[in-house]
Amino acid sequence: MADLLVCGLDDALVESLRKRAAASGRSVEAEHRSILSAALAHPARRSFIELLLAMPDVGRDEDFERGAHGA
């Protein structure tokens, strides 16, 4: 197994990690592993409506001219 060293973390973030670890009954290192595993092994899935709402507003339909095949 590999080791991971994370430098330059804000003190408040580290304190939040300590508190979360204590609430979970784990060490800070085990909590860190759990967070990374959850974030990377099973990324959160977004619903179809969330995907639609995240799309940028690019204009109205009238702003785009339809070609011969787009009717």
C-alpha atoms as a PDB file:
ATOM      1  CA  MET A   1       0.000   0.000   0.000  1.00  0.00           C
ATOM      2  CA  ALA A   2       1.124   3.520  -0.735  1.00  0.00           C
ATOM      3  CA  ASP A   3       1.435   6.394   1.721  1.00  0.00           C
ATOM      4  CA  LEU A   4      -0.013   9.835   1.144  1.00  0.00           C
ATOM      5  CA  LEU A   5       1.219  13.021   2.807  1.00  0.00           C
ATOM      6  CA  VAL A   6      -1.005  16.068   2.497  1.00  0.00           C
ATOM      7  CA  CYS A   7       0.760  19.354   3.232  1.00  0.00           C
ATOM      8  CA  GLY A   8      -0.499  22.905   3.558  1.00  0.00           C
ATOM      9  CA  LEU A   9      -3.917  22.164   5.059  1.00  0.00           C
ATOM     10  CA  ASP A  10      -5.768  24.900   6.874  1.00  0.00           C
ATOM     11  CA  ASP A  11      -5.824  24.377  10.650  1.00  0.00           C
ATOM     12  CA  ALA A  12      -9.626  24.625  10.707  1.00  0.00           C
ATOM     13  CA  LEU A  13      -9.872  21.831   8.124  1.00  0.00           C
ATOM     14  CA  VAL A  14      -7.600  19.585  10.167  1.00  0.00           C
ATOM     15  CA  GLU A  15      -9.659  20.299  13.279  1.00  0.00           C
ATOM     16  CA  SER A  16     -12.850  19.413  11.396  1.00  0.00           C
ATOM     17  CA  LEU A  17     -11.222  16.152  10.331  1.00  0.00           C
ATOM     18  CA  ARG A  18     -10.252  15.409  13.940  1.00  0.00           C
ATOM     19  CA  LYS A  19     -13.808  16.056  15.132  1.00  0.00           C
ATOM     20  CA  ARG A  20     -15.322  13.934  12.367  1.00  0.00           C
ATOM     21  CA  ALA A  21     -12.903  11.110  13.157  1.00  0.00           C
ATOM     22  CA  ALA A  22     -13.764  11.253  16.853  1.00  0.00           C
ATOM     23  CA  ALA A  23     -17.493  11.221  16.086  1.00  0.00           C
ATOM     24  CA  SER A  24     -16.968   8.146  13.876  1.00  0.00           C
ATOM     25  CA  GLY A  25     -14.804   6.402  16.459  1.00  0.00           C
ATOM     26  CA  ARG A  26     -11.842   6.302  14.083  1.00  0.00           C
ATOM     27  CA  SER A  27      -8.355   7.695  14.000  1.00  0.00           C
ATOM     28  CA  VAL A  28      -7.730  10.782  11.900  1.00  0.00           C
ATOM     29  CA  GLU A  29      -5.809   8.623   9.431  1.00  0.00           C
ATOM     30  CA  ALA A  30      -8.664   6.103   9.158  1.00  0.00           C
ATOM     31  CA  GLU A  31     -11.176   8.918   8.688  1.00  0.00           C
ATOM     32  CA  HIS A  32      -8.990  10.423   5.963  1.00  0.00           C
ATOM     33  CA  ARG A  33      -8.878   7.039   4.197  1.00  0.00           C
ATOM     34  CA  SER A  34     -12.645   6.686   4.512  1.00  0.00           C
ATOM     35  CA  ILE A  35     -13.291  10.130   3.020  1.00  0.00           C
ATOM     36  CA  LEU A  36     -10.929   9.538   0.099  1.00  0.00           C
ATOM     37  CA  SER A  37     -12.390   6.104  -0.560  1.00  0.00           C
ATOM     38  CA  ALA A  38     -15.970   7.385  -0.523  1.00  0.00           C
ATOM     39  CA  ALA A  39     -15.136  10.314  -2.796  1.00  0.00           C
ATOM     40  CA  LEU A  40     -13.141   8.355  -5.351  1.00  0.00           C
ATOM     41  CA  ALA A  41     -14.523   4.826  -5.325  1.00  0.00           C
ATOM     42  CA  HIS A  42     -18.183   5.809  -5.507  1.00  0.00           C
ATOM     43  CA  PRO A  43     -18.559   9.309  -6.948  1.00  0.00           C
ATOM     44  CA  ALA A  44     -21.916  10.919  -6.268  1.00  0.00           C
ATOM     45  CA  ARG A  45     -24.357  10.514  -9.135  1.00  0.00           C
ATOM     46  CA  ARG A  46     -26.384  13.495 -10.208  1.00  0.00           C
ATOM     47  CA  SER A  47     -30.008  13.189 -11.194  1.00  0.00           C
ATOM     48  CA  PHE A  48     -31.150  14.054 -14.690  1.00  0.00           C
ATOM     49  CA  ILE A  49     -32.781  17.263 -13.440  1.00  0.00           C
ATOM     50  CA  GLU A  50     -29.520  18.272 -11.690  1.00  0.00           C
ATOM     51  CA  LEU A  51     -27.639  17.745 -14.954  1.00  0.00           C
ATOM     52  CA  LEU A  52     -30.174  19.829 -16.869  1.00  0.00           C
ATOM     53  CA  LEU A  53     -30.064  22.620 -14.295  1.00  0.00           C
ATOM     54  CA  ALA A  54     -26.256  22.649 -14.449  1.00  0.00           C
ATOM     55  CA  MET A  55     -26.248  23.322 -18.197  1.00  0.00           C
ATOM     56  CA  PRO A  56     -25.282  26.895 -19.083  1.00  0.00           C
ATOM     57  CA  ASP A  57     -27.826  29.264 -20.585  1.00  0.00           C
ATOM     58  CA  VAL A  58     -26.695  29.687 -24.191  1.00  0.00           C
ATOM     59  CA  GLY A  59     -29.672  31.610 -25.497  1.00  0.00           C
ATOM     60  CA  ARG A  60     -33.197  31.109 -26.730  1.00  0.00           C
ATOM     61  CA  ASP A  61     -34.234  28.749 -29.504  1.00  0.00           C
ATOM     62  CA  GLU A  62     -34.812  31.766 -31.742  1.00  0.00           C
ATOM     63  CA  ASP A  63     -31.101  32.607 -31.434  1.00  0.00           C
ATOM     64  CA  PHE A  64     -30.168  29.497 -33.399  1.00  0.00           C
ATOM     65  CA  GLU A  65     -30.974  28.949 -37.024  1.00  0.00           C
ATOM     66  CA  ARG A  66     -32.006  25.414 -37.935  1.00  0.00           C
ATOM     67  CA  GLY A  67     -30.392  23.742 -40.910  1.00  0.00           C
ATOM     68  CA  ALA A  68     -32.060  21.618 -43.563  1.00  0.00           C
ATOM     69  CA  HIS A  69     -31.760  18.483 -41.386  1.00  0.00           C
ATOM     70  CA  GLY A  70     -32.807  20.114 -38.104  1.00  0.00           C
ATOM     71  CA  ALA A  71     -36.523  20.595 -38.668  1.00  0.00           C
END
